[in-house]
Amino acid sequence: REGVIALTEADIAWIEAGYPSVLYVEKGGLELRFHTM
């Protein structure tokens, strides 16, 4: 419960959109592709 309460509204929206990590929000392009690999 404490962990979910600590999430921001933006975090909730990202999770609902299927983002599995905050790093997927912060990264992009080749850096994100490298991270997923």
PDB file of all heavy atoms in Angstrom:
ATOM      1  N   ARG A   1       0.820  -1.214   0.000  1.00  0.00           N
ATOM      2  CA  ARG A   1       0.000   0.000   0.000  1.00  0.00           C
ATOM      3  C   ARG A   1       0.858   1.269   0.000  1.00  0.00           C
ATOM      4  O   ARG A   1       0.582   2.207  -0.741  1.00  0.00           O
ATOM      5  CB  ARG A   1      -0.948  -0.004   1.201  1.00  0.00           C
ATOM      6  CG  ARG A   1      -1.810   1.264   1.326  1.00  0.00           C
ATOM      7  CD  ARG A   1      -2.851   1.116   2.406  1.00  0.00           C
ATOM      8  NE  ARG A   1      -3.893   0.183   1.993  1.00  0.00           N
ATOM      9  CZ  ARG A   1      -4.928   0.501   1.211  1.00  0.00           C
ATOM     10  NH1 ARG A   1      -5.054   1.750   0.742  1.00  0.00           N
ATOM     11  NH2 ARG A   1      -5.835  -0.386   0.902  1.00  0.00           N
ATOM     12  N   GLU A   2       1.893   1.290   0.829  1.00  0.00           N
ATOM     13  CA  GLU A   2       2.742   2.473   0.892  1.00  0.00           C
ATOM     14  C   GLU A   2       3.406   2.768  -0.451  1.00  0.00           C
ATOM     15  O   GLU A   2       3.546   3.916  -0.852  1.00  0.00           O
ATOM     16  CB  GLU A   2       3.804   2.301   1.976  1.00  0.00           C
ATOM     17  CG  GLU A   2       3.285   2.490   3.390  1.00  0.00           C
ATOM     18  CD  GLU A   2       4.412   2.655   4.385  1.00  0.00           C
ATOM     19  OE1 GLU A   2       5.470   2.013   4.188  1.00  0.00           O
ATOM     20  OE2 GLU A   2       4.232   3.422   5.354  1.00  0.00           O
ATOM     21  N   GLY A   3       3.829   1.715  -1.140  1.00  0.00           N
ATOM     22  CA  GLY A   3       4.465   1.904  -2.432  1.00  0.00           C
ATOM     23  C   GLY A   3       3.517   2.507  -3.446  1.00  0.00           C
ATOM     24  O   GLY A   3       3.884   3.432  -4.189  1.00  0.00           O
ATOM     25  N   VAL A   4       2.267   2.013  -3.499  1.00  0.00           N
ATOM     26  CA  VAL A   4       1.286   2.528  -4.457  1.00  0.00           C
ATOM     27  C   VAL A   4       0.907   3.963  -4.105  1.00  0.00           C
ATOM     28  O   VAL A   4       0.751   4.811  -4.993  1.00  0.00           O
ATOM     29  CB  VAL A   4       0.038   1.627  -4.495  1.00  0.00           C
ATOM     30  CG1 VAL A   4      -1.029   2.215  -5.410  1.00  0.00           C
ATOM     31  CG2 VAL A   4       0.415   0.227  -4.972  1.00  0.00           C
ATOM     32  N   ILE A   5       0.779   4.264  -2.820  1.00  0.00           N
ATOM     33  CA  ILE A   5       0.447   5.626  -2.402  1.00  0.00           C
ATOM     34  C   ILE A   5       1.539   6.603  -2.828  1.00  0.00           C
ATOM     35  O   ILE A   5       1.261   7.760  -3.178  1.00  0.00           O
ATOM     36  CB  ILE A   5       0.241   5.674  -0.867  1.00  0.00           C
ATOM     37  CG1 ILE A   5      -1.044   4.928  -0.493  1.00  0.00           C
ATOM     38  CG2 ILE A   5       0.194   7.109  -0.358  1.00  0.00           C
ATOM     39  CD1 ILE A   5      -1.260   4.780   0.997  1.00  0.00           C
ATOM     40  N   ALA A   6       2.793   6.145  -2.817  1.00  0.00           N
ATOM     41  CA  ALA A   6       3.917   7.019  -3.171  1.00  0.00           C
ATOM     42  C   ALA A   6       3.975   7.337  -4.659  1.00  0.00           C
ATOM     43  O   ALA A   6       4.705   8.245  -5.065  1.00  0.00           O
ATOM     44  CB  ALA A   6       5.232   6.372  -2.725  1.00  0.00           C
ATOM     45  N   LEU A   7       3.234   6.604  -5.491  1.00  0.00           N
ATOM     46  CA  LEU A   7       3.221   6.886  -6.916  1.00  0.00           C
ATOM     47  C   LEU A   7       2.492   8.190  -7.203  1.00  0.00           C
ATOM     48  O   LEU A   7       1.484   8.501  -6.576  1.00  0.00           O
ATOM     49  CB  LEU A   7       2.523   5.751  -7.674  1.00  0.00           C
ATOM     50  CG  LEU A   7       3.219   4.387  -7.685  1.00  0.00           C
ATOM     51  CD1 LEU A   7       2.307   3.343  -8.321  1.00  0.00           C
ATOM     52  CD2 LEU A   7       4.550   4.438  -8.418  1.00  0.00           C
ATOM     53  N   THR A   8       2.990   8.949  -8.161  1.00  0.00           N
ATOM     54  CA  THR A   8       2.313  10.167  -8.585  1.00  0.00           C
ATOM     55  C   THR A   8       1.197   9.820  -9.558  1.00  0.00           C
ATOM     56  O   THR A   8       1.099   8.693 -10.056  1.00  0.00           O
ATOM     57  CB  THR A   8       3.302  11.127  -9.267  1.00  0.00           C
ATOM     58  OG1 THR A   8       3.753  10.532 -10.495  1.00  0.00           O
ATOM     59  CG2 THR A   8       4.507  11.400  -8.364  1.00  0.00           C
ATOM     60  N   GLU A   9       0.353  10.814  -9.833  1.00  0.00           N
ATOM     61  CA  GLU A   9      -0.709  10.597 -10.813  1.00  0.00           C
ATOM     62  C   GLU A   9      -0.119  10.299 -12.194  1.00  0.00           C
ATOM     63  O   GLU A   9      -0.672   9.507 -12.965  1.00  0.00           O
ATOM     64  CB  GLU A   9      -1.621  11.831 -10.887  1.00  0.00           C
ATOM     65  CG  GLU A   9      -2.480  12.036  -9.650  1.00  0.00           C
ATOM     66  CD  GLU A   9      -3.388  10.845  -9.374  1.00  0.00           C
ATOM     67  OE1 GLU A   9      -3.943  10.276 -10.352  1.00  0.00           O
ATOM     68  OE2 GLU A   9      -3.554  10.476  -8.205  1.00  0.00           O
ATOM     69  N   ALA A  10       1.015  10.937 -12.496  1.00  0.00           N
ATOM     70  CA  ALA A  10       1.685  10.662 -13.764  1.00  0.00           C
ATOM     71  C   ALA A  10       2.172   9.214 -13.816  1.00  0.00           C
ATOM     72  O   ALA A  10       2.054   8.543 -14.847  1.00  0.00           O
ATOM     73  CB  ALA A  10       2.855  11.621 -13.970  1.00  0.00           C
ATOM     74  N   ASP A  11       2.703   8.723 -12.679  1.00  0.00           N
ATOM     75  CA  ASP A  11       3.152   7.329 -12.621  1.00  0.00           C
ATOM     76  C   ASP A  11       1.988   6.374 -12.882  1.00  0.00           C
ATOM     77  O   ASP A  11       2.131   5.392 -13.623  1.00  0.00           O
ATOM     78  CB  ASP A  11       3.753   7.021 -11.240  1.00  0.00           C
ATOM     79  CG  ASP A  11       5.097   7.691 -11.018  1.00  0.00           C
ATOM     80  OD1 ASP A  11       5.841   7.876 -12.003  1.00  0.00           O
ATOM     81  OD2 ASP A  11       5.398   8.033  -9.855  1.00  0.00           O
ATOM     82  N   ILE A  12       0.851   6.653 -12.275  1.00  0.00           N
ATOM     83  CA  ILE A  12      -0.332   5.809 -12.472  1.00  0.00           C
ATOM     84  C   ILE A  12      -0.703   5.761 -13.954  1.00  0.00           C
ATOM     85  O   ILE A  12      -0.983   4.689 -14.514  1.00  0.00           O
ATOM     86  CB  ILE A  12      -1.531   6.335 -11.652  1.00  0.00           C
ATOM     87  CG1 ILE A  12      -1.228   6.281 -10.139  1.00  0.00           C
ATOM     88  CG2 ILE A  12      -2.792   5.536 -11.967  1.00  0.00           C
ATOM     89  CD1 ILE A  12      -1.075   4.893  -9.583  1.00  0.00           C
ATOM     90  N   ALA A  13      -0.674   6.913 -14.606  1.00  0.00           N
ATOM     91  CA  ALA A  13      -1.023   6.974 -16.021  1.00  0.00           C
ATOM     92  C   ALA A  13      -0.022   6.193 -16.870  1.00  0.00           C
ATOM     93  O   ALA A  13      -0.409   5.493 -17.816  1.00  0.00           O
ATOM     94  CB  ALA A  13      -1.073   8.431 -16.486  1.00  0.00           C
ATOM     95  N   TRP A  14       1.252   6.288 -16.538  1.00  0.00           N
ATOM     96  CA  TRP A  14       2.271   5.558 -17.300  1.00  0.00           C
ATOM     97  C   TRP A  14       2.097   4.057 -17.141  1.00  0.00           C
ATOM     98  O   TRP A  14       2.226   3.299 -18.107  1.00  0.00           O
ATOM     99  CB  TRP A  14       3.669   5.976 -16.847  1.00  0.00           C
ATOM    100  CG  TRP A  14       4.097   7.350 -17.269  1.00  0.00           C
ATOM    101  CD1 TRP A  14       4.486   8.377 -16.456  1.00  0.00           C
ATOM    102  CD2 TRP A  14       4.175   7.864 -18.600  1.00  0.00           C
ATOM    103  NE1 TRP A  14       4.801   9.489 -17.193  1.00  0.00           N
ATOM    104  CE2 TRP A  14       4.622   9.200 -18.511  1.00  0.00           C
ATOM    105  CE3 TRP A  14       3.903   7.327 -19.858  1.00  0.00           C
ATOM    106  CZ2 TRP A  14       4.810  10.002 -19.639  1.00  0.00           C
ATOM    107  CZ3 TRP A  14       4.091   8.125 -20.982  1.00  0.00           C
ATOM    108  CH2 TRP A  14       4.535   9.435 -20.872  1.00  0.00           C
ATOM    109  N   ILE A  15       1.809   3.610 -15.930  1.00  0.00           N
ATOM    110  CA  ILE A  15       1.608   2.170 -15.695  1.00  0.00           C
ATOM    111  C   ILE A  15       0.381   1.682 -16.452  1.00  0.00           C
ATOM    112  O   ILE A  15       0.387   0.616 -17.073  1.00  0.00           O
ATOM    113  CB  ILE A  15       1.487   1.882 -14.188  1.00  0.00           C
ATOM    114  CG1 ILE A  15       2.796   2.230 -13.468  1.00  0.00           C
ATOM    115  CG2 ILE A  15       1.133   0.413 -13.945  1.00  0.00           C
ATOM    116  CD1 ILE A  15       2.689   2.229 -11.958  1.00  0.00           C
ATOM    117  N   GLU A  16      -0.699   2.460 -16.403  1.00  0.00           N
ATOM    118  CA  GLU A  16      -1.914   2.089 -17.132  1.00  0.00           C
ATOM    119  C   GLU A  16      -1.654   1.998 -18.634  1.00  0.00           C
ATOM    120  O   GLU A  16      -2.280   1.202 -19.331  1.00  0.00           O
ATOM    121  CB  GLU A  16      -3.009   3.121 -16.856  1.00  0.00           C
ATOM    122  CG  GLU A  16      -3.563   3.068 -15.440  1.00  0.00           C
ATOM    123  CD  GLU A  16      -4.554   4.176 -15.165  1.00  0.00           C
ATOM    124  OE1 GLU A  16      -4.523   5.210 -15.878  1.00  0.00           O
ATOM    125  OE2 GLU A  16      -5.372   4.034 -14.236  1.00  0.00           O
ATOM    126  N   ALA A  17      -0.713   2.811 -19.112  1.00  0.00           N
ATOM    127  CA  ALA A  17      -0.367   2.798 -20.535  1.00  0.00           C
ATOM    128  C   ALA A  17       0.563   1.651 -20.895  1.00  0.00           C
ATOM    129  O   ALA A  17       0.898   1.464 -22.071  1.00  0.00           O
ATOM    130  CB  ALA A  17       0.275   4.123 -20.932  1.00  0.00           C
ATOM    131  N   GLY A  18       1.006   0.885 -19.874  1.00  0.00           N
ATOM    132  CA  GLY A  18       1.830  -0.286 -20.143  1.00  0.00           C
ATOM    133  C   GLY A  18       3.312  -0.096 -19.920  1.00  0.00           C
ATOM    134  O   GLY A  18       4.102  -1.000 -20.224  1.00  0.00           O
ATOM    135  N   TYR A  19       3.728   1.057 -19.395  1.00  0.00           N
ATOM    136  CA  TYR A  19       5.153   1.279 -19.134  1.00  0.00           C
ATOM    137  C   TYR A  19       5.584   0.471 -17.920  1.00  0.00           C
ATOM    138  O   TYR A  19       5.056   0.663 -16.821  1.00  0.00           O
ATOM    139  CB  TYR A  19       5.434   2.763 -18.900  1.00  0.00           C
ATOM    140  CG  TYR A  19       5.421   3.584 -20.156  1.00  0.00           C
ATOM    141  CD1 TYR A  19       4.217   3.908 -20.783  1.00  0.00           C
ATOM    142  CD2 TYR A  19       6.594   4.037 -20.734  1.00  0.00           C
ATOM    143  CE1 TYR A  19       4.189   4.654 -21.949  1.00  0.00           C
ATOM    144  CE2 TYR A  19       6.584   4.795 -21.900  1.00  0.00           C
ATOM    145  CZ  TYR A  19       5.380   5.098 -22.502  1.00  0.00           C
ATOM    146  OH  TYR A  19       5.363   5.833 -23.652  1.00  0.00           O
ATOM    147  N   PRO A  20       6.561  -0.434 -18.066  1.00  0.00           N
ATOM    148  CA  PRO A  20       6.932  -1.318 -16.961  1.00  0.00           C
ATOM    149  C   PRO A  20       8.024  -0.769 -16.047  1.00  0.00           C
ATOM    150  O   PRO A  20       8.415  -1.425 -15.097  1.00  0.00           O
ATOM    151  CB  PRO A  20       7.446  -2.565 -17.694  1.00  0.00           C
ATOM    152  CG  PRO A  20       8.053  -2.015 -18.934  1.00  0.00           C
ATOM    153  CD  PRO A  20       7.243  -0.814 -19.309  1.00  0.00           C
ATOM    154  N   SER A  21       8.524   0.425 -16.344  1.00  0.00           N
ATOM    155  CA  SER A  21       9.608   0.984 -15.529  1.00  0.00           C
ATOM    156  C   SER A  21       9.639   2.480 -15.737  1.00  0.00           C
ATOM    157  O   SER A  21       9.341   2.978 -16.831  1.00  0.00           O
ATOM    158  CB  SER A  21      10.957   0.363 -15.925  1.00  0.00           C
ATOM    159  OG  SER A  21      12.038   1.092 -15.363  1.00  0.00           O
ATOM    160  N   VAL A  22      10.039   3.209 -14.708  1.00  0.00           N
ATOM    161  CA  VAL A  22      10.171   4.661 -14.838  1.00  0.00           C
ATOM    162  C   VAL A  22      11.256   5.005 -15.841  1.00  0.00           C
ATOM    163  O   VAL A  22      11.234   6.073 -16.466  1.00  0.00           O
ATOM    164  CB  VAL A  22      10.455   5.299 -13.462  1.00  0.00           C
ATOM    165  CG1 VAL A  22      11.857   4.938 -12.963  1.00  0.00           C
ATOM    166  CG2 VAL A  22      10.282   6.813 -13.526  1.00  0.00           C
ATOM    167  N   LEU A  23      12.199   4.095 -16.055  1.00  0.00           N
ATOM    168  CA  LEU A  23      13.259   4.346 -17.025  1.00  0.00           C
ATOM    169  C   LEU A  23      12.718   4.404 -18.450  1.00  0.00           C
ATOM    170  O   LEU A  23      13.280   5.079 -19.309  1.00  0.00           O
ATOM    171  CB  LEU A  23      14.333   3.262 -16.924  1.00  0.00           C
ATOM    172  CG  LEU A  23      15.087   3.194 -15.591  1.00  0.00           C
ATOM    173  CD1 LEU A  23      16.082   2.040 -15.600  1.00  0.00           C
ATOM    174  CD2 LEU A  23      15.814   4.499 -15.309  1.00  0.00           C
ATOM    175  N   TYR A  24      11.614   3.694 -18.714  1.00  0.00           N
ATOM    176  CA  TYR A  24      11.010   3.723 -20.039  1.00  0.00           C
ATOM    177  C   TYR A  24      10.377   5.087 -20.313  1.00  0.00           C
ATOM    178  O   TYR A  24      10.177   5.468 -21.463  1.00  0.00           O
ATOM    179  CB  TYR A  24       9.950   2.637 -20.174  1.00  0.00           C
ATOM    180  CG  TYR A  24      10.512   1.244 -20.295  1.00  0.00           C
ATOM    181  CD1 TYR A  24      11.373   0.711 -19.343  1.00  0.00           C
ATOM    182  CD2 TYR A  24      10.184   0.433 -21.372  1.00  0.00           C
ATOM    183  CE1 TYR A  24      11.899  -0.560 -19.453  1.00  0.00           C
ATOM    184  CE2 TYR A  24      10.693  -0.854 -21.491  1.00  0.00           C
ATOM    185  CZ  TYR A  24      11.553  -1.335 -20.525  1.00  0.00           C
ATOM    186  OH  TYR A  24      12.068  -2.615 -20.642  1.00  0.00           O
ATOM    187  N   VAL A  25      10.039   5.807 -19.260  1.00  0.00           N
ATOM    188  CA  VAL A  25       9.498   7.157 -19.399  1.00  0.00           C
ATOM    189  C   VAL A  25      10.633   8.153 -19.604  1.00  0.00           C
ATOM    190  O   VAL A  25      10.535   9.080 -20.408  1.00  0.00           O
ATOM    191  CB  VAL A  25       8.679   7.534 -18.148  1.00  0.00           C
ATOM    192  CG1 VAL A  25       8.130   8.951 -18.276  1.00  0.00           C
ATOM    193  CG2 VAL A  25       7.545   6.542 -17.928  1.00  0.00           C
ATOM    194  N   GLU A  26      11.732   7.948 -18.878  1.00  0.00           N
ATOM    195  CA  GLU A  26      12.830   8.911 -18.883  1.00  0.00           C
ATOM    196  C   GLU A  26      13.728   8.782 -20.105  1.00  0.00           C
ATOM    197  O   GLU A  26      14.361   9.757 -20.512  1.00  0.00           O
ATOM    198  CB  GLU A  26      13.677   8.729 -17.614  1.00  0.00           C
ATOM    199  CG  GLU A  26      12.891   8.987 -16.324  1.00  0.00           C
ATOM    200  CD  GLU A  26      13.682   8.597 -15.092  1.00  0.00           C
ATOM    201  OE1 GLU A  26      14.750   7.949 -15.240  1.00  0.00           O
ATOM    202  OE2 GLU A  26      13.229   8.925 -13.979  1.00  0.00           O
ATOM    203  N   LYS A  27      13.802   7.590 -20.686  1.00  0.00           N
ATOM    204  CA  LYS A  27      14.704   7.367 -21.810  1.00  0.00           C
ATOM    205  C   LYS A  27      13.941   7.405 -23.130  1.00  0.00           C
ATOM    206  O   LYS A  27      12.724   7.314 -23.166  1.00  0.00           O
ATOM    207  CB  LYS A  27      15.415   6.018 -21.653  1.00  0.00           C
ATOM    208  CG  LYS A  27      16.281   5.900 -20.412  1.00  0.00           C
ATOM    209  CD  LYS A  27      16.952   4.539 -20.327  1.00  0.00           C
ATOM    210  CE  LYS A  27      17.739   4.374 -19.032  1.00  0.00           C
ATOM    211  NZ  LYS A  27      18.870   5.322 -18.974  1.00  0.00           N
ATOM    212  N   GLY A  28      14.690   7.495 -24.223  1.00  0.00           N
ATOM    213  CA  GLY A  28      14.072   7.484 -25.537  1.00  0.00           C
ATOM    214  C   GLY A  28      15.091   7.109 -26.597  1.00  0.00           C
ATOM    215  O   GLY A  28      16.293   7.053 -26.343  1.00  0.00           O
ATOM    216  N   GLY A  29      14.591   6.841 -27.814  1.00  0.00           N
ATOM    217  CA  GLY A  29      15.472   6.565 -28.936  1.00  0.00           C
ATOM    218  C   GLY A  29      16.362   5.358 -28.718  1.00  0.00           C
ATOM    219  O   GLY A  29      15.943   4.337 -28.172  1.00  0.00           O
ATOM    220  N   LEU A  30      17.615   5.488 -29.137  1.00  0.00           N
ATOM    221  CA  LEU A  30      18.559   4.378 -29.057  1.00  0.00           C
ATOM    222  C   LEU A  30      18.843   3.973 -27.622  1.00  0.00           C
ATOM    223  O   LEU A  30      19.066   2.795 -27.335  1.00  0.00           O
ATOM    224  CB  LEU A  30      19.868   4.757 -29.762  1.00  0.00           C
ATOM    225  CG  LEU A  30      19.812   4.852 -31.289  1.00  0.00           C
ATOM    226  CD1 LEU A  30      21.143   5.339 -31.834  1.00  0.00           C
ATOM    227  CD2 LEU A  30      19.444   3.509 -31.906  1.00  0.00           C
ATOM    228  N   GLU A  31      18.825   4.951 -26.709  1.00  0.00           N
ATOM    229  CA  GLU A  31      19.093   4.630 -25.310  1.00  0.00           C
ATOM    230  C   GLU A  31      18.022   3.702 -24.750  1.00  0.00           C
ATOM    231  O   GLU A  31      18.326   2.738 -24.043  1.00  0.00           O
ATOM    232  CB  GLU A  31      19.167   5.911 -24.484  1.00  0.00           C
ATOM    233  CG  GLU A  31      19.601   5.675 -23.036  1.00  0.00           C
ATOM    234  CD  GLU A  31      19.654   6.944 -22.223  1.00  0.00           C
ATOM    235  OE1 GLU A  31      19.126   7.969 -22.690  1.00  0.00           O
ATOM    236  OE2 GLU A  31      20.205   6.915 -21.104  1.00  0.00           O
ATOM    237  N   LEU A  32      16.759   3.982 -25.083  1.00  0.00           N
ATOM    238  CA  LEU A  32      15.674   3.121 -24.626  1.00  0.00           C
ATOM    239  C   LEU A  32      15.765   1.755 -25.278  1.00  0.00           C
ATOM    240  O   LEU A  32      15.549   0.725 -24.620  1.00  0.00           O
ATOM    241  CB  LEU A  32      14.323   3.773 -24.943  1.00  0.00           C
ATOM    242  CG  LEU A  32      13.079   2.949 -24.596  1.00  0.00           C
ATOM    243  CD1 LEU A  32      13.049   2.603 -23.117  1.00  0.00           C
ATOM    244  CD2 LEU A  32      11.817   3.700 -24.994  1.00  0.00           C
ATOM    245  N   ARG A  33      16.091   1.732 -26.574  1.00  0.00           N
ATOM    246  CA  ARG A  33      16.228   0.449 -27.272  1.00  0.00           C
ATOM    247  C   ARG A  33      17.333  -0.388 -26.647  1.00  0.00           C
ATOM    248  O   ARG A  33      17.187  -1.602 -26.466  1.00  0.00           O
ATOM    249  CB  ARG A  33      16.523   0.709 -28.751  1.00  0.00           C
ATOM    250  CG  ARG A  33      16.620  -0.551 -29.590  1.00  0.00           C
ATOM    251  CD  ARG A  33      15.311  -1.312 -29.601  1.00  0.00           C
ATOM    252  NE  ARG A  33      15.381  -2.488 -30.438  1.00  0.00           N
ATOM    253  CZ  ARG A  33      14.447  -3.419 -30.502  1.00  0.00           C
ATOM    254  NH1 ARG A  33      13.345  -3.306 -29.768  1.00  0.00           N
ATOM    255  NH2 ARG A  33      14.577  -4.464 -31.281  1.00  0.00           N
ATOM    256  N   PHE A  34      18.427   0.267 -26.295  1.00  0.00           N
ATOM    257  CA  PHE A  34      19.532  -0.437 -25.658  1.00  0.00           C
ATOM    258  C   PHE A  34      19.110  -0.990 -24.298  1.00  0.00           C
ATOM    259  O   PHE A  34      19.431  -2.122 -23.942  1.00  0.00           O
ATOM    260  CB  PHE A  34      20.720   0.504 -25.491  1.00  0.00           C
ATOM    261  CG  PHE A  34      21.918  -0.124 -24.844  1.00  0.00           C
ATOM    262  CD1 PHE A  34      22.736  -1.004 -25.553  1.00  0.00           C
ATOM    263  CD2 PHE A  34      22.236   0.148 -23.520  1.00  0.00           C
ATOM    264  CE1 PHE A  34      23.836  -1.590 -24.954  1.00  0.00           C
ATOM    265  CE2 PHE A  34      23.340  -0.436 -22.913  1.00  0.00           C
ATOM    266  CZ  PHE A  34      24.148  -1.313 -23.634  1.00  0.00           C
ATOM    267  N   HIS A  35      18.355  -0.200 -23.544  1.00  0.00           N
ATOM    268  CA  HIS A  35      17.906  -0.651 -22.223  1.00  0.00           C
ATOM    269  C   HIS A  35      16.990  -1.862 -22.337  1.00  0.00           C
ATOM    270  O   HIS A  35      17.120  -2.817 -21.569  1.00  0.00           O
ATOM    271  CB  HIS A  35      17.172   0.485 -21.502  1.00  0.00           C
ATOM    272  CG  HIS A  35      16.685   0.104 -20.141  1.00  0.00           C
ATOM    273  ND1 HIS A  35      17.494   0.129 -19.025  1.00  0.00           N
ATOM    274  CD2 HIS A  35      15.466  -0.337 -19.713  1.00  0.00           C
ATOM    275  CE1 HIS A  35      16.812  -0.280 -17.967  1.00  0.00           C
ATOM    276  NE2 HIS A  35      15.576  -0.563 -18.358  1.00  0.00           N
ATOM    277  N   THR A  36      16.051  -1.840 -23.281  1.00  0.00           N
ATOM    278  CA  THR A  36      15.140  -2.981 -23.439  1.00  0.00           C
ATOM    279  C   THR A  36      15.915  -4.234 -23.855  1.00  0.00           C
ATOM    280  O   THR A  36      15.568  -5.341 -23.443  1.00  0.00           O
ATOM    281  CB  THR A  36      14.045  -2.671 -24.473  1.00  0.00           C
ATOM    282  OG1 THR A  36      14.647  -2.330 -25.726  1.00  0.00           O
ATOM    283  CG2 THR A  36      13.184  -1.508 -24.009  1.00  0.00           C
ATOM    284  N   MET A  37      16.952  -4.064 -24.676  1.00  0.00           N
ATOM    285  CA  MET A  37      17.765  -5.209 -25.067  1.00  0.00           C
ATOM    286  C   MET A  37      18.501  -5.775 -23.862  1.00  0.00           C
ATOM    287  O   MET A  37      18.573  -6.990 -23.669  1.00  0.00           O
ATOM    288  CB  MET A  37      18.769  -4.820 -26.154  1.00  0.00           C
ATOM    289  CG  MET A  37      19.565  -6.005 -26.698  1.00  0.00           C
ATOM    290  SD  MET A  37      20.737  -5.554 -27.989  1.00  0.00           S
ATOM    291  CE  MET A  37      21.997  -4.741 -26.991  1.00  0.00           C
TER     292      MET A  37
END
